[in-house]
């Protein structure tokens, strides 16, 4: 029973961590798309680099969520 509780806690921790990364990436993309003036004094290259970085982080987080949900069986 103790191992099941540890497994569930690990699942919750991993899920929270990855969901946080996903939310951060989405927030960055939203800021870049909907409020670029709020970004400040950046060059065009900075803007592009930030957008590319955010989409890469979003993709990584999305893939990690799928992996956690697919391979982390908390019922066993």
Protein backbone atom coordinates (compact mmCIF):
# COMPACT_ATOMS: atom_id res chain seq x y z
CA UNK A 1 0.00 0.00 0.00
CA UNK A 2 2.86 2.37 0.80
CA UNK A 3 4.40 1.92 -2.67
CA UNK A 4 1.09 2.77 -4.32
CA UNK A 5 0.91 6.03 -2.35
CA UNK A 6 4.49 6.92 -3.35
CA UNK A 7 3.69 6.14 -6.98
CA UNK A 8 0.59 8.35 -6.88
CA UNK A 9 2.56 11.18 -5.27
CA UNK A 10 5.30 10.86 -7.91
CA UNK A 11 2.67 10.97 -10.65
CA UNK A 12 1.08 14.09 -9.16
CA UNK A 13 4.46 15.79 -8.79
CA UNK A 14 5.52 15.03 -12.36
CA UNK A 15 2.16 16.10 -13.71
CA UNK A 16 2.22 19.39 -11.79
CA UNK A 17 5.77 20.13 -12.91
CA UNK A 18 5.03 19.54 -16.58
CA UNK A 19 1.69 21.37 -16.49
CA UNK A 20 3.52 24.36 -15.02
CA UNK A 21 6.01 24.30 -17.91
CA UNK A 22 3.13 24.11 -20.39
CA UNK A 23 1.33 27.03 -18.77
CA UNK A 24 4.50 29.14 -18.82
CA UNK A 25 5.04 28.45 -22.52
CA UNK A 26 1.42 29.29 -23.34
CA UNK A 27 1.65 32.51 -21.34
CA UNK A 28 4.81 33.50 -23.21
CA UNK A 29 3.18 32.84 -26.59
CA UNK A 30 0.10 34.78 -25.52
CA UNK A 31 2.24 37.73 -24.48
CA UNK A 32 4.19 37.63 -27.74
CA UNK A 33 1.04 37.42 -29.85
CA UNK A 34 -1.34 39.68 -27.98
CA UNK A 35 0.80 42.20 -26.16
CA UNK A 36 4.16 42.57 -27.91
CA UNK A 37 4.52 46.12 -26.56
CA UNK A 38 4.70 44.60 -23.08
CA UNK A 39 7.87 42.78 -24.00
CA UNK A 40 9.95 45.91 -23.87
CA UNK A 41 13.02 46.94 -25.77
CA UNK A 42 13.86 43.81 -27.77
CA UNK A 43 15.12 43.40 -31.30
CA UNK A 44 13.19 41.46 -33.92
CA UNK A 45 15.61 38.59 -33.49
CA UNK A 46 14.87 38.51 -29.75
CA UNK A 47 11.16 38.37 -30.54
CA UNK A 48 11.64 35.47 -32.97
CA UNK A 49 13.98 33.64 -30.60
CA UNK A 50 11.50 34.01 -27.75
CA UNK A 51 8.67 32.67 -29.93
CA UNK A 52 10.75 29.69 -31.08
CA UNK A 53 11.86 28.95 -27.52
CA UNK A 54 8.27 29.10 -26.26
CA UNK A 55 6.92 26.75 -28.94
CA UNK A 56 9.75 24.29 -28.29
CA UNK A 57 9.00 24.36 -24.56
CA UNK A 58 5.28 23.91 -25.23
CA UNK A 59 5.98 20.93 -27.48
CA UNK A 60 8.30 19.37 -24.90
CA UNK A 61 5.73 19.83 -22.14
CA UNK A 62 2.95 18.41 -24.31
CA UNK A 63 5.06 15.36 -25.16
CA UNK A 64 6.00 14.90 -21.51
CA UNK A 65 2.33 15.02 -20.46
CA UNK A 66 1.49 12.32 -23.00
CA UNK A 67 4.40 10.22 -21.78
CA UNK A 68 3.46 10.56 -18.12
CA UNK A 69 -0.19 9.70 -18.76
CA UNK A 70 0.69 6.80 -21.07
CA UNK A 71 3.42 5.10 -19.06
CA UNK A 72 2.76 6.01 -15.46
CA UNK A 73 0.13 3.56 -14.30
CA UNK A 74 -0.98 4.87 -10.90
CA UNK A 75 -3.65 2.17 -10.52
CA UNK A 76 -1.16 -0.66 -10.08
